[in-house]
Amino acid sequence: MRHGRAKQARRTLQFFERTIGLRPPYHVLIDGTFVVNLLRFKLPIRDRLFVLLQKADVTLHVTNSTLVELKQLKDQTPKEEKTFEQ
């Protein structure tokens, strides 16, 4: 991460820590569209969040409704598309 981005991320985290008391470990709620794009573009979300959140602990959460949505998307996806395969 470039210096400017890291500095801005640090300032944003400090702002939320001072105003609402948001401290590590951070809990991140992920929706279905985000998960599909992570799989499609093969992005390492844990590594990216680790760097973005200044090397703090991160816990990822997905709701049950999102899991149902992802199962439906998997069933509707053509077999040629390899989005949901790992």
N, C-alpha and C. Protein backbone atom coordinates (compact mmCIF):
# COMPACT_ATOMS: atom_id res chain seq x y z
N MET A 1 0.85 -1.17 0.00
CA MET A 1 0.00 0.00 0.00
C MET A 1 0.89 1.23 0.00
N ARG A 2 0.55 2.18 -0.85
CA ARG A 2 1.35 3.38 -0.92
C ARG A 2 1.23 4.19 0.37
N HIS A 3 2.20 5.07 0.57
CA HIS A 3 2.26 5.85 1.80
C HIS A 3 0.98 6.66 2.02
N GLY A 4 0.49 7.32 1.00
CA GLY A 4 -0.70 8.16 1.14
C GLY A 4 -1.94 7.37 1.53
N ARG A 5 -2.09 6.19 0.96
CA ARG A 5 -3.25 5.36 1.29
C ARG A 5 -3.17 4.85 2.72
N ALA A 6 -2.00 4.42 3.13
CA ALA A 6 -1.84 3.92 4.49
C ALA A 6 -2.09 5.03 5.50
N LYS A 7 -1.61 6.22 5.19
CA LYS A 7 -1.80 7.35 6.09
C LYS A 7 -3.28 7.71 6.21
N GLN A 8 -3.99 7.70 5.09
CA GLN A 8 -5.42 8.01 5.12
C GLN A 8 -6.20 6.93 5.86
N ALA A 9 -5.84 5.67 5.66
CA ALA A 9 -6.51 4.58 6.36
C ALA A 9 -6.28 4.70 7.87
N ARG A 10 -5.06 5.01 8.26
CA ARG A 10 -4.74 5.18 9.68
C ARG A 10 -5.54 6.32 10.29
N ARG A 11 -5.64 7.43 9.57
CA ARG A 11 -6.43 8.58 10.07
C ARG A 11 -7.90 8.23 10.20
N THR A 12 -8.44 7.50 9.23
CA THR A 12 -9.85 7.11 9.29
C THR A 12 -10.10 6.19 10.48
N LEU A 13 -9.22 5.22 10.69
CA LEU A 13 -9.38 4.32 11.84
C LEU A 13 -9.26 5.07 13.16
N GLN A 14 -8.35 6.02 13.23
CA GLN A 14 -8.21 6.83 14.45
C GLN A 14 -9.46 7.67 14.70
N PHE A 15 -10.05 8.21 13.64
CA PHE A 15 -11.27 9.01 13.78
C PHE A 15 -12.39 8.17 14.38
N PHE A 16 -12.60 6.96 13.82
CA PHE A 16 -13.67 6.10 14.33
C PHE A 16 -13.37 5.59 15.74
N GLU A 17 -12.11 5.39 16.05
CA GLU A 17 -11.75 4.97 17.40
C GLU A 17 -12.07 6.06 18.40
N ARG A 18 -11.79 7.30 18.06
CA ARG A 18 -12.04 8.43 18.98
C ARG A 18 -13.52 8.77 19.09
N THR A 19 -14.26 8.70 17.98
CA THR A 19 -15.65 9.15 18.01
C THR A 19 -16.62 8.10 18.52
N ILE A 20 -16.50 6.86 18.05
CA ILE A 20 -17.47 5.83 18.46
C ILE A 20 -16.84 4.66 19.19
N GLY A 21 -15.55 4.70 19.42
CA GLY A 21 -14.89 3.64 20.19
C GLY A 21 -14.68 2.35 19.42
N LEU A 22 -14.61 2.43 18.10
CA LEU A 22 -14.39 1.25 17.28
C LEU A 22 -12.93 0.83 17.36
N ARG A 23 -12.70 -0.36 17.91
CA ARG A 23 -11.34 -0.86 18.11
C ARG A 23 -11.22 -2.29 17.58
N PRO A 24 -9.99 -2.74 17.33
CA PRO A 24 -9.80 -4.13 16.90
C PRO A 24 -10.23 -5.08 18.01
N PRO A 25 -10.64 -6.27 17.71
CA PRO A 25 -10.74 -6.89 16.40
C PRO A 25 -11.95 -6.36 15.64
N TYR A 26 -11.77 -6.14 14.36
CA TYR A 26 -12.84 -5.61 13.52
C TYR A 26 -13.68 -6.76 12.98
N HIS A 27 -14.99 -6.54 12.90
CA HIS A 27 -15.92 -7.52 12.36
C HIS A 27 -16.48 -6.95 11.07
N VAL A 28 -16.30 -7.68 9.98
CA VAL A 28 -16.71 -7.21 8.66
C VAL A 28 -17.83 -8.10 8.15
N LEU A 29 -18.96 -7.49 7.80
CA LEU A 29 -20.11 -8.20 7.25
C LEU A 29 -20.02 -8.14 5.73
N ILE A 30 -20.05 -9.31 5.09
CA ILE A 30 -19.87 -9.40 3.64
C ILE A 30 -21.18 -9.84 3.00
N ASP A 31 -21.56 -9.17 1.90
CA ASP A 31 -22.78 -9.54 1.18
C ASP A 31 -22.46 -10.44 0.00
N GLY A 32 -23.51 -10.96 -0.63
CA GLY A 32 -23.36 -11.94 -1.70
C GLY A 32 -22.66 -11.40 -2.94
N THR A 33 -22.97 -10.18 -3.34
CA THR A 33 -22.35 -9.59 -4.52
C THR A 33 -20.85 -9.45 -4.31
N PHE A 34 -20.46 -9.06 -3.12
CA PHE A 34 -19.05 -8.91 -2.79
C PHE A 34 -18.33 -10.26 -2.86
N VAL A 35 -18.96 -11.29 -2.32
CA VAL A 35 -18.36 -12.63 -2.34
C VAL A 35 -18.20 -13.13 -3.77
N VAL A 36 -19.21 -12.91 -4.61
CA VAL A 36 -19.14 -13.34 -6.01
C VAL A 36 -17.99 -12.64 -6.72
N ASN A 37 -17.83 -11.36 -6.50
CA ASN A 37 -16.74 -10.63 -7.14
C ASN A 37 -15.38 -11.04 -6.59
N LEU A 38 -15.30 -11.37 -5.32
CA LEU A 38 -14.05 -11.89 -4.77
C LEU A 38 -13.65 -13.19 -5.46
N LEU A 39 -14.62 -14.06 -5.65
CA LEU A 39 -14.35 -15.32 -6.31
C LEU A 39 -14.03 -15.14 -7.79
N ARG A 40 -14.77 -14.25 -8.43
CA ARG A 40 -14.58 -14.04 -9.87
C ARG A 40 -13.19 -13.48 -10.17
N PHE A 41 -12.73 -12.52 -9.38
CA PHE A 41 -11.44 -11.88 -9.64
C PHE A 41 -10.31 -12.44 -8.78
N LYS A 42 -10.63 -13.48 -7.98
CA LYS A 42 -9.62 -14.18 -7.16
C LYS A 42 -8.83 -13.20 -6.28
N LEU A 43 -9.55 -12.40 -5.53
CA LEU A 43 -8.92 -11.42 -4.65
C LEU A 43 -8.68 -12.01 -3.26
N PRO A 44 -7.52 -11.78 -2.68
CA PRO A 44 -7.23 -12.26 -1.32
C PRO A 44 -7.77 -11.27 -0.28
N ILE A 45 -9.02 -11.42 0.09
CA ILE A 45 -9.68 -10.42 0.94
C ILE A 45 -9.04 -10.33 2.33
N ARG A 46 -8.66 -11.44 2.92
CA ARG A 46 -8.05 -11.38 4.26
C ARG A 46 -6.76 -10.59 4.24
N ASP A 47 -5.92 -10.82 3.24
CA ASP A 47 -4.66 -10.08 3.14
C ASP A 47 -4.90 -8.60 2.93
N ARG A 48 -5.84 -8.28 2.06
CA ARG A 48 -6.12 -6.87 1.77
C ARG A 48 -6.70 -6.15 2.99
N LEU A 49 -7.61 -6.80 3.70
CA LEU A 49 -8.17 -6.18 4.90
C LEU A 49 -7.13 -6.05 6.00
N PHE A 50 -6.25 -7.03 6.10
CA PHE A 50 -5.19 -6.99 7.10
C PHE A 50 -4.31 -5.75 6.90
N VAL A 51 -3.96 -5.47 5.65
CA VAL A 51 -3.13 -4.31 5.34
C VAL A 51 -3.94 -3.01 5.50
N LEU A 52 -5.16 -3.01 4.99
CA LEU A 52 -6.00 -1.81 5.05
C LEU A 52 -6.32 -1.40 6.48
N LEU A 53 -6.56 -2.38 7.34
CA LEU A 53 -6.92 -2.08 8.73
C LEU A 53 -5.70 -2.06 9.65
N GLN A 54 -4.54 -1.74 9.09
CA GLN A 54 -3.31 -1.53 9.86
C GLN A 54 -2.90 -2.74 10.67
N LYS A 55 -2.97 -3.90 10.06
CA LYS A 55 -2.52 -5.17 10.64
C LYS A 55 -3.28 -5.56 11.92
N ALA A 56 -4.55 -5.17 11.97
CA ALA A 56 -5.40 -5.54 13.10
C ALA A 56 -6.13 -6.84 12.79
N ASP A 57 -6.64 -7.49 13.83
CA ASP A 57 -7.40 -8.72 13.64
C ASP A 57 -8.72 -8.40 12.97
N VAL A 58 -9.10 -9.25 12.01
CA VAL A 58 -10.34 -9.07 11.26
C VAL A 58 -11.11 -10.38 11.27
N THR A 59 -12.41 -10.29 11.57
CA THR A 59 -13.28 -11.44 11.50
C THR A 59 -14.32 -11.18 10.41
N LEU A 60 -14.43 -12.08 9.45
CA LEU A 60 -15.38 -11.94 8.37
C LEU A 60 -16.67 -12.68 8.71
N HIS A 61 -17.81 -12.04 8.43
CA HIS A 61 -19.11 -12.63 8.72
C HIS A 61 -19.98 -12.61 7.46
N VAL A 62 -20.76 -13.69 7.29
CA VAL A 62 -21.71 -13.79 6.19
C VAL A 62 -23.03 -14.24 6.80
N THR A 63 -24.12 -13.59 6.42
CA THR A 63 -25.43 -13.94 6.97
C THR A 63 -25.97 -15.20 6.30
N ASN A 64 -26.95 -15.82 6.95
CA ASN A 64 -27.57 -17.02 6.39
C ASN A 64 -28.30 -16.71 5.08
N SER A 65 -28.92 -15.54 5.00
CA SER A 65 -29.61 -15.18 3.77
C SER A 65 -28.63 -15.02 2.61
N THR A 66 -27.42 -14.57 2.90
CA THR A 66 -26.39 -14.46 1.87
C THR A 66 -25.97 -15.84 1.40
N LEU A 67 -25.85 -16.79 2.32
CA LEU A 67 -25.49 -18.15 1.94
C LEU A 67 -26.56 -18.78 1.04
N VAL A 68 -27.83 -18.52 1.35
CA VAL A 68 -28.93 -19.03 0.52
C VAL A 68 -28.84 -18.39 -0.87
N GLU A 69 -28.59 -17.09 -0.91
CA GLU A 69 -28.46 -16.38 -2.18
C GLU A 69 -27.31 -16.96 -3.01
N LEU A 70 -26.19 -17.24 -2.37
CA LEU A 70 -25.03 -17.79 -3.08
C LEU A 70 -25.32 -19.19 -3.61
N LYS A 71 -26.06 -20.00 -2.85
CA LYS A 71 -26.42 -21.34 -3.33
C LYS A 71 -27.32 -21.24 -4.56
N GLN A 72 -28.25 -20.28 -4.55
CA GLN A 72 -29.12 -20.09 -5.71
C GLN A 72 -28.33 -19.61 -6.92
N LEU A 73 -27.38 -18.71 -6.70
CA LEU A 73 -26.54 -18.22 -7.79
C LEU A 73 -25.68 -19.35 -8.36
N LYS A 74 -25.20 -20.22 -7.49
CA LYS A 74 -24.39 -21.34 -7.95
C LYS A 74 -25.21 -22.27 -8.83
N ASP A 75 -26.47 -22.50 -8.45
CA ASP A 75 -27.33 -23.38 -9.24
C ASP A 75 -27.70 -22.74 -10.58
N GLN A 76 -27.80 -21.42 -10.64
CA GLN A 76 -28.17 -20.72 -11.87
C GLN A 76 -26.99 -20.48 -12.80
N THR A 77 -25.77 -20.60 -12.29
CA THR A 77 -24.59 -20.32 -13.08
C THR A 77 -24.32 -21.46 -14.05
N PRO A 78 -24.03 -21.13 -15.32
CA PRO A 78 -23.70 -22.21 -16.27
C PRO A 78 -22.45 -22.97 -15.82
N LYS A 79 -22.38 -24.22 -16.19
CA LYS A 79 -21.27 -25.07 -15.77
C LYS A 79 -19.94 -24.60 -16.34
N GLU A 80 -19.95 -23.88 -17.48
CA GLU A 80 -18.71 -23.42 -18.09
C GLU A 80 -18.05 -22.32 -17.27
N GLU A 81 -18.86 -21.53 -16.57
CA GLU A 81 -18.31 -20.44 -15.77
C GLU A 81 -17.78 -21.01 -14.46
N LYS A 82 -16.57 -20.69 -14.12
CA LYS A 82 -15.89 -21.29 -12.97
C LYS A 82 -15.85 -20.35 -11.77
N THR A 83 -16.85 -19.52 -11.59
CA THR A 83 -16.85 -18.54 -10.50
C THR A 83 -16.88 -19.21 -9.14
N PHE A 84 -17.71 -20.24 -8.99
CA PHE A 84 -17.91 -20.83 -7.67
C PHE A 84 -17.02 -22.03 -7.39
N GLU A 85 -16.17 -22.38 -8.32
CA GLU A 85 -15.27 -23.51 -8.08
C GLU A 85 -14.03 -23.03 -7.36
N GLN A 86 -13.46 -23.92 -6.57
CA GLN A 86 -12.25 -23.53 -5.84
C GLN A 86 -11.15 -24.50 -6.06
